[in-house]
Amino acid sequence: MNIGYAFRSGASVAILSLLCSGCTSPSYTGSPYQPGPQIGRAIGTGAGAVVGNAAGVVVGTGEGLVSGIAAPFDTTTHLVRRWHTEITSDGRTIQVPEDILVDANGRPVPYPPPATPPQPQK
């Protein structure tokens, strides 16, 4: 990478960010005899809050509905291994693993029954 290119691109990004940064005027510049800008700002703030909350309710309701409908179809499972102690016939004590298949909420899921091979046709 060329050093001049990096410098030019960095300088142009800095200038562009300075030009795009917002400028506001202090609130005391409005005339107390002409309160229109202050009233307009207050009405705009109130309208923005109402519209923003209404949009938030719609989006939240839609996302909740979608996740509620999708919940029964969640097939996420994982194995939990539990160890228990057994004593062998020759007197040794060993740790034996027991694998348990659980769903996303930690509830045990029954293993599907083994598939029986097809019987030959007679």
N, C-alpha and C. Protein backbone atom coordinates (compact mmCIF):
# COMPACT_ATOMS: atom_id res chain seq x y z
N MET A 1 0.84 -1.17 0.00
CA MET A 1 0.00 0.00 0.00
C MET A 1 0.89 1.24 0.00
N ASN A 2 0.56 2.18 -0.81
CA ASN A 2 1.32 3.40 -0.96
C ASN A 2 1.02 4.34 0.22
N ILE A 3 2.07 4.95 0.80
CA ILE A 3 1.90 5.86 1.93
C ILE A 3 1.10 7.09 1.53
N GLY A 4 1.34 7.60 0.35
CA GLY A 4 0.60 8.78 -0.12
C GLY A 4 -0.89 8.48 -0.27
N TYR A 5 -1.21 7.28 -0.74
CA TYR A 5 -2.61 6.89 -0.88
C TYR A 5 -3.28 6.81 0.48
N ALA A 6 -2.60 6.23 1.46
CA ALA A 6 -3.16 6.11 2.80
C ALA A 6 -3.37 7.49 3.42
N PHE A 7 -2.42 8.39 3.22
CA PHE A 7 -2.56 9.73 3.77
C PHE A 7 -3.73 10.46 3.12
N ARG A 8 -3.81 10.38 1.79
CA ARG A 8 -4.91 11.07 1.10
C ARG A 8 -6.26 10.51 1.50
N SER A 9 -6.36 9.19 1.61
CA SER A 9 -7.66 8.61 1.98
C SER A 9 -8.01 8.95 3.43
N GLY A 10 -7.03 8.96 4.32
CA GLY A 10 -7.29 9.34 5.71
C GLY A 10 -7.70 10.79 5.83
N ALA A 11 -7.03 11.66 5.08
CA ALA A 11 -7.38 13.08 5.12
C ALA A 11 -8.76 13.31 4.53
N SER A 12 -9.09 12.62 3.46
CA SER A 12 -10.42 12.82 2.86
C SER A 12 -11.52 12.27 3.77
N VAL A 13 -11.26 11.19 4.49
CA VAL A 13 -12.25 10.69 5.46
C VAL A 13 -12.43 11.69 6.59
N ALA A 14 -11.35 12.28 7.08
CA ALA A 14 -11.46 13.27 8.16
C ALA A 14 -12.22 14.50 7.70
N ILE A 15 -11.94 14.99 6.51
CA ILE A 15 -12.64 16.17 6.00
C ILE A 15 -14.12 15.85 5.78
N LEU A 16 -14.39 14.68 5.22
CA LEU A 16 -15.78 14.29 4.98
C LEU A 16 -16.55 14.14 6.28
N SER A 17 -15.92 13.60 7.31
CA SER A 17 -16.62 13.46 8.60
C SER A 17 -16.87 14.82 9.23
N LEU A 18 -15.96 15.77 9.05
CA LEU A 18 -16.20 17.11 9.57
C LEU A 18 -17.33 17.80 8.82
N LEU A 19 -17.40 17.60 7.50
CA LEU A 19 -18.45 18.22 6.73
C LEU A 19 -19.82 17.60 7.01
N CYS A 20 -19.85 16.31 7.31
CA CYS A 20 -21.13 15.63 7.54
C CYS A 20 -21.61 15.72 8.97
N SER A 21 -20.79 16.22 9.88
CA SER A 21 -21.24 16.31 11.27
C SER A 21 -22.31 17.38 11.40
N GLY A 22 -23.27 17.11 12.25
CA GLY A 22 -24.41 18.02 12.39
C GLY A 22 -24.04 19.29 13.13
N CYS A 23 -24.69 20.35 12.77
CA CYS A 23 -24.52 21.64 13.45
C CYS A 23 -25.88 22.05 14.02
N THR A 24 -25.87 22.50 15.25
CA THR A 24 -27.12 22.95 15.85
C THR A 24 -26.91 24.36 16.38
N SER A 25 -27.99 25.07 16.47
CA SER A 25 -27.90 26.40 17.06
C SER A 25 -28.37 26.30 18.50
N PRO A 26 -27.79 27.08 19.39
CA PRO A 26 -28.22 27.02 20.78
C PRO A 26 -29.69 27.43 20.90
N SER A 27 -30.34 26.93 21.93
CA SER A 27 -31.77 27.18 22.08
C SER A 27 -32.06 28.64 22.50
N TYR A 28 -31.07 29.37 22.98
CA TYR A 28 -31.31 30.74 23.41
C TYR A 28 -31.31 31.74 22.27
N THR A 29 -31.07 31.29 21.04
CA THR A 29 -31.05 32.23 19.92
C THR A 29 -32.45 32.59 19.43
N GLY A 30 -33.47 31.84 19.87
CA GLY A 30 -34.83 32.15 19.46
C GLY A 30 -35.34 33.40 20.16
N SER A 31 -36.20 34.09 19.50
CA SER A 31 -36.76 35.31 20.08
C SER A 31 -37.89 34.96 21.04
N PRO A 32 -37.89 35.56 22.24
CA PRO A 32 -39.00 35.29 23.17
C PRO A 32 -40.31 35.88 22.66
N TYR A 33 -40.22 36.81 21.71
CA TYR A 33 -41.43 37.41 21.15
C TYR A 33 -41.99 36.59 20.00
N GLN A 34 -41.18 35.70 19.45
CA GLN A 34 -41.61 34.82 18.36
C GLN A 34 -41.29 33.37 18.77
N PRO A 35 -42.14 32.74 19.55
CA PRO A 35 -41.81 31.41 20.07
C PRO A 35 -42.09 30.27 19.10
N GLY A 36 -42.30 30.57 17.84
CA GLY A 36 -42.62 29.54 16.85
C GLY A 36 -41.61 28.41 16.77
N PRO A 37 -40.29 28.71 16.69
CA PRO A 37 -39.33 27.62 16.61
C PRO A 37 -39.35 26.70 17.83
N GLN A 38 -39.52 27.27 19.02
CA GLN A 38 -39.56 26.44 20.22
C GLN A 38 -40.81 25.57 20.23
N ILE A 39 -41.95 26.15 19.83
CA ILE A 39 -43.19 25.37 19.79
C ILE A 39 -43.08 24.28 18.73
N GLY A 40 -42.52 24.62 17.58
CA GLY A 40 -42.34 23.63 16.52
C GLY A 40 -41.43 22.49 16.96
N ARG A 41 -40.35 22.83 17.68
CA ARG A 41 -39.44 21.80 18.18
C ARG A 41 -40.15 20.91 19.19
N ALA A 42 -40.96 21.49 20.07
CA ALA A 42 -41.69 20.70 21.07
C ALA A 42 -42.72 19.78 20.40
N ILE A 43 -43.45 20.31 19.41
CA ILE A 43 -44.44 19.49 18.70
C ILE A 43 -43.73 18.38 17.92
N GLY A 44 -42.63 18.71 17.29
CA GLY A 44 -41.87 17.69 16.55
C GLY A 44 -41.34 16.60 17.45
N THR A 45 -40.87 16.98 18.64
CA THR A 45 -40.38 15.98 19.59
C THR A 45 -41.51 15.06 20.03
N GLY A 46 -42.67 15.65 20.35
CA GLY A 46 -43.81 14.84 20.77
C GLY A 46 -44.30 13.92 19.67
N ALA A 47 -44.40 14.46 18.45
CA ALA A 47 -44.86 13.63 17.33
C ALA A 47 -43.86 12.52 17.04
N GLY A 48 -42.58 12.83 17.13
CA GLY A 48 -41.56 11.79 16.89
C GLY A 48 -41.62 10.69 17.93
N ALA A 49 -41.88 11.06 19.19
CA ALA A 49 -41.99 10.05 20.24
C ALA A 49 -43.20 9.15 20.00
N VAL A 50 -44.33 9.75 19.64
CA VAL A 50 -45.54 8.96 19.40
C VAL A 50 -45.36 8.03 18.21
N VAL A 51 -44.86 8.56 17.10
CA VAL A 51 -44.67 7.74 15.90
C VAL A 51 -43.63 6.66 16.15
N GLY A 52 -42.55 7.01 16.85
CA GLY A 52 -41.51 6.01 17.15
C GLY A 52 -42.03 4.89 18.02
N ASN A 53 -42.83 5.22 19.04
CA ASN A 53 -43.39 4.18 19.89
C ASN A 53 -44.41 3.33 19.15
N ALA A 54 -45.20 3.95 18.28
CA ALA A 54 -46.16 3.18 17.50
C ALA A 54 -45.44 2.20 16.58
N ALA A 55 -44.38 2.65 15.95
CA ALA A 55 -43.61 1.75 15.09
C ALA A 55 -42.95 0.65 15.92
N GLY A 56 -42.49 0.98 17.11
CA GLY A 56 -41.89 -0.02 17.99
C GLY A 56 -42.89 -1.08 18.41
N VAL A 57 -44.14 -0.68 18.68
CA VAL A 57 -45.17 -1.64 19.05
C VAL A 57 -45.45 -2.59 17.89
N VAL A 58 -45.53 -2.04 16.69
CA VAL A 58 -45.81 -2.88 15.52
C VAL A 58 -44.68 -3.87 15.29
N VAL A 59 -43.45 -3.40 15.34
CA VAL A 59 -42.30 -4.28 15.11
C VAL A 59 -42.18 -5.32 16.22
N GLY A 60 -42.35 -4.89 17.48
CA GLY A 60 -42.27 -5.84 18.59
C GLY A 60 -43.34 -6.90 18.53
N THR A 61 -44.56 -6.51 18.16
CA THR A 61 -45.65 -7.48 18.03
C THR A 61 -45.35 -8.47 16.91
N GLY A 62 -44.87 -7.97 15.79
CA GLY A 62 -44.53 -8.86 14.67
C GLY A 62 -43.43 -9.84 15.02
N GLU A 63 -42.37 -9.37 15.68
CA GLU A 63 -41.28 -10.27 16.05
C GLU A 63 -41.73 -11.28 17.09
N GLY A 64 -42.56 -10.85 18.05
CA GLY A 64 -43.07 -11.78 19.04
C GLY A 64 -43.94 -12.85 18.42
N LEU A 65 -44.77 -12.45 17.46
CA LEU A 65 -45.64 -13.40 16.77
C LEU A 65 -44.81 -14.42 16.00
N VAL A 66 -43.80 -13.95 15.31
CA VAL A 66 -42.96 -14.86 14.53
C VAL A 66 -42.21 -15.83 15.44
N SER A 67 -41.64 -15.34 16.55
CA SER A 67 -40.90 -16.25 17.44
C SER A 67 -41.85 -17.21 18.15
N GLY A 68 -43.08 -16.76 18.44
CA GLY A 68 -44.06 -17.67 19.05
C GLY A 68 -44.49 -18.77 18.11
N ILE A 69 -44.65 -18.43 16.84
CA ILE A 69 -45.03 -19.45 15.86
C ILE A 69 -43.87 -20.41 15.61
N ALA A 70 -42.64 -19.91 15.62
CA ALA A 70 -41.48 -20.74 15.32
C ALA A 70 -41.04 -21.61 16.50
N ALA A 71 -41.47 -21.29 17.72
CA ALA A 71 -40.99 -22.02 18.90
C ALA A 71 -41.29 -23.52 18.87
N PRO A 72 -42.49 -23.96 18.47
CA PRO A 72 -42.72 -25.41 18.46
C PRO A 72 -41.85 -26.16 17.45
N PHE A 73 -41.33 -25.46 16.47
CA PHE A 73 -40.54 -26.12 15.44
C PHE A 73 -39.04 -26.07 15.73
N ASP A 74 -38.67 -25.62 16.93
CA ASP A 74 -37.25 -25.54 17.31
C ASP A 74 -36.76 -26.95 17.63
N THR A 75 -35.83 -27.45 16.86
CA THR A 75 -35.32 -28.81 17.05
C THR A 75 -33.91 -28.82 17.62
N THR A 76 -33.53 -27.77 18.32
CA THR A 76 -32.19 -27.70 18.89
C THR A 76 -32.08 -28.68 20.05
N THR A 77 -31.16 -29.60 19.95
CA THR A 77 -30.91 -30.57 21.02
C THR A 77 -29.41 -30.67 21.25
N HIS A 78 -29.05 -31.15 22.42
CA HIS A 78 -27.65 -31.45 22.70
C HIS A 78 -27.58 -32.57 23.73
N LEU A 79 -26.41 -33.18 23.84
CA LEU A 79 -26.23 -34.29 24.75
C LEU A 79 -25.66 -33.80 26.07
N VAL A 80 -26.20 -34.34 27.16
CA VAL A 80 -25.67 -34.08 28.49
C VAL A 80 -25.15 -35.42 29.00
N ARG A 81 -23.93 -35.43 29.47
CA ARG A 81 -23.33 -36.67 29.97
C ARG A 81 -23.33 -36.65 31.49
N ARG A 82 -23.92 -37.70 32.05
CA ARG A 82 -23.96 -37.85 33.50
C ARG A 82 -23.18 -39.12 33.84
N TRP A 83 -22.35 -39.02 34.87
CA TRP A 83 -21.51 -40.15 35.26
C TRP A 83 -22.07 -40.77 36.54
N HIS A 84 -22.08 -42.09 36.57
CA HIS A 84 -22.45 -42.76 37.82
C HIS A 84 -21.47 -43.89 38.07
N THR A 85 -21.39 -44.27 39.33
CA THR A 85 -20.40 -45.26 39.78
C THR A 85 -21.04 -46.64 39.78
N GLU A 86 -20.31 -47.62 39.26
CA GLU A 86 -20.74 -49.01 39.29
C GLU A 86 -19.58 -49.87 39.78
N ILE A 87 -19.95 -50.97 40.38
CA ILE A 87 -18.94 -51.92 40.86
C ILE A 87 -19.02 -53.16 39.96
N THR A 88 -17.88 -53.51 39.40
CA THR A 88 -17.84 -54.65 38.48
C THR A 88 -17.89 -55.95 39.27
N SER A 89 -18.04 -57.07 38.54
CA SER A 89 -18.14 -58.38 39.19
C SER A 89 -16.85 -58.77 39.90
N ASP A 90 -15.72 -58.21 39.46
CA ASP A 90 -14.46 -58.54 40.12
C ASP A 90 -14.13 -57.55 41.24
N GLY A 91 -15.05 -56.61 41.57
CA GLY A 91 -14.87 -55.73 42.72
C GLY A 91 -14.29 -54.36 42.41
N ARG A 92 -14.01 -54.07 41.15
CA ARG A 92 -13.48 -52.74 40.81
C ARG A 92 -14.62 -51.73 40.77
N THR A 93 -14.29 -50.49 41.11
CA THR A 93 -15.26 -49.39 41.02
C THR A 93 -14.92 -48.58 39.78
N ILE A 94 -15.91 -48.41 38.90
CA ILE A 94 -15.68 -47.67 37.66
C ILE A 94 -16.75 -46.60 37.50
N GLN A 95 -16.38 -45.58 36.71
CA GLN A 95 -17.32 -44.52 36.35
C GLN A 95 -17.90 -44.86 34.98
N VAL A 96 -19.23 -44.85 34.88
CA VAL A 96 -19.90 -45.20 33.63
C VAL A 96 -20.66 -43.97 33.14
N PRO A 97 -20.45 -43.57 31.86
CA PRO A 97 -21.19 -42.41 31.35
C PRO A 97 -22.61 -42.79 30.94
N GLU A 98 -23.50 -41.83 31.12
CA GLU A 98 -24.87 -41.99 30.65
C GLU A 98 -25.20 -40.73 29.85
N ASP A 99 -25.46 -40.89 28.57
CA ASP A 99 -25.76 -39.75 27.71
C ASP A 99 -27.26 -39.51 27.68
N ILE A 100 -27.65 -38.25 27.89
CA ILE A 100 -29.06 -37.87 27.89
C ILE A 100 -29.25 -36.80 26.83
N LEU A 101 -30.17 -37.02 25.90
CA LEU A 101 -30.49 -36.05 24.87
C LEU A 101 -31.51 -35.07 25.44
N VAL A 102 -31.17 -33.76 25.42
CA VAL A 102 -32.07 -32.74 25.97
C VAL A 102 -32.39 -31.71 24.90
N ASP A 103 -33.55 -31.05 25.04
CA ASP A 103 -33.94 -30.01 24.08
C ASP A 103 -33.35 -28.67 24.50
N ALA A 104 -33.76 -27.58 23.86
CA ALA A 104 -33.20 -26.26 24.13
C ALA A 104 -33.51 -25.79 25.55
N ASN A 105 -34.58 -26.30 26.17
CA ASN A 105 -34.94 -25.91 27.53
C ASN A 105 -34.37 -26.84 28.58
N GLY A 106 -33.60 -27.85 28.20
CA GLY A 106 -32.98 -28.76 29.15
C GLY A 106 -33.86 -29.94 29.53
N ARG A 107 -34.97 -30.14 28.87
CA ARG A 107 -35.85 -31.28 29.16
C ARG A 107 -35.37 -32.49 28.37
N PRO A 108 -35.37 -33.66 29.00
CA PRO A 108 -34.94 -34.87 28.27
C PRO A 108 -35.86 -35.17 27.10
N VAL A 109 -35.26 -35.57 25.99
CA VAL A 109 -35.99 -35.93 24.79
C VAL A 109 -35.86 -37.44 24.64
N PRO A 110 -36.96 -38.15 24.47
CA PRO A 110 -36.82 -39.61 24.30
C PRO A 110 -36.14 -39.94 22.98
N TYR A 111 -35.27 -40.92 23.04
CA TYR A 111 -34.61 -41.37 21.81
C TYR A 111 -35.65 -42.01 20.91
N PRO A 112 -35.52 -41.84 19.60
CA PRO A 112 -36.46 -42.51 18.71
C PRO A 112 -36.24 -44.02 18.77
N PRO A 113 -37.29 -44.81 18.60
CA PRO A 113 -37.09 -46.27 18.64
C PRO A 113 -36.21 -46.72 17.48
N PRO A 114 -35.45 -47.78 17.71
CA PRO A 114 -34.59 -48.24 16.62
C PRO A 114 -35.43 -48.73 15.45
N ALA A 115 -34.91 -48.48 14.28
CA ALA A 115 -35.61 -48.90 13.07
C ALA A 115 -35.52 -50.40 12.92
N THR A 116 -36.64 -51.02 12.67
CA THR A 116 -36.64 -52.46 12.46
C THR A 116 -36.36 -52.72 10.98
N PRO A 117 -35.54 -53.70 10.70
CA PRO A 117 -35.25 -53.98 9.30
C PRO A 117 -36.51 -54.53 8.61
N PRO A 118 -36.68 -54.25 7.35
CA PRO A 118 -37.86 -54.76 6.65
C PRO A 118 -37.84 -56.29 6.57
N GLN A 119 -38.99 -56.86 6.75
CA GLN A 119 -39.12 -58.31 6.69
C GLN A 119 -39.19 -58.76 5.23
N PRO A 120 -38.53 -59.85 4.92
CA PRO A 120 -38.58 -60.33 3.51
C PRO A 120 -39.99 -60.79 3.17
N GLN A 121 -40.37 -60.55 1.94
CA GLN A 121 -41.69 -60.96 1.46
C GLN A 121 -41.71 -62.47 1.23
N LYS A 122 -42.81 -63.10 1.64
CA LYS A 122 -42.91 -64.56 1.46
C LYS A 122 -43.76 -64.88 0.28
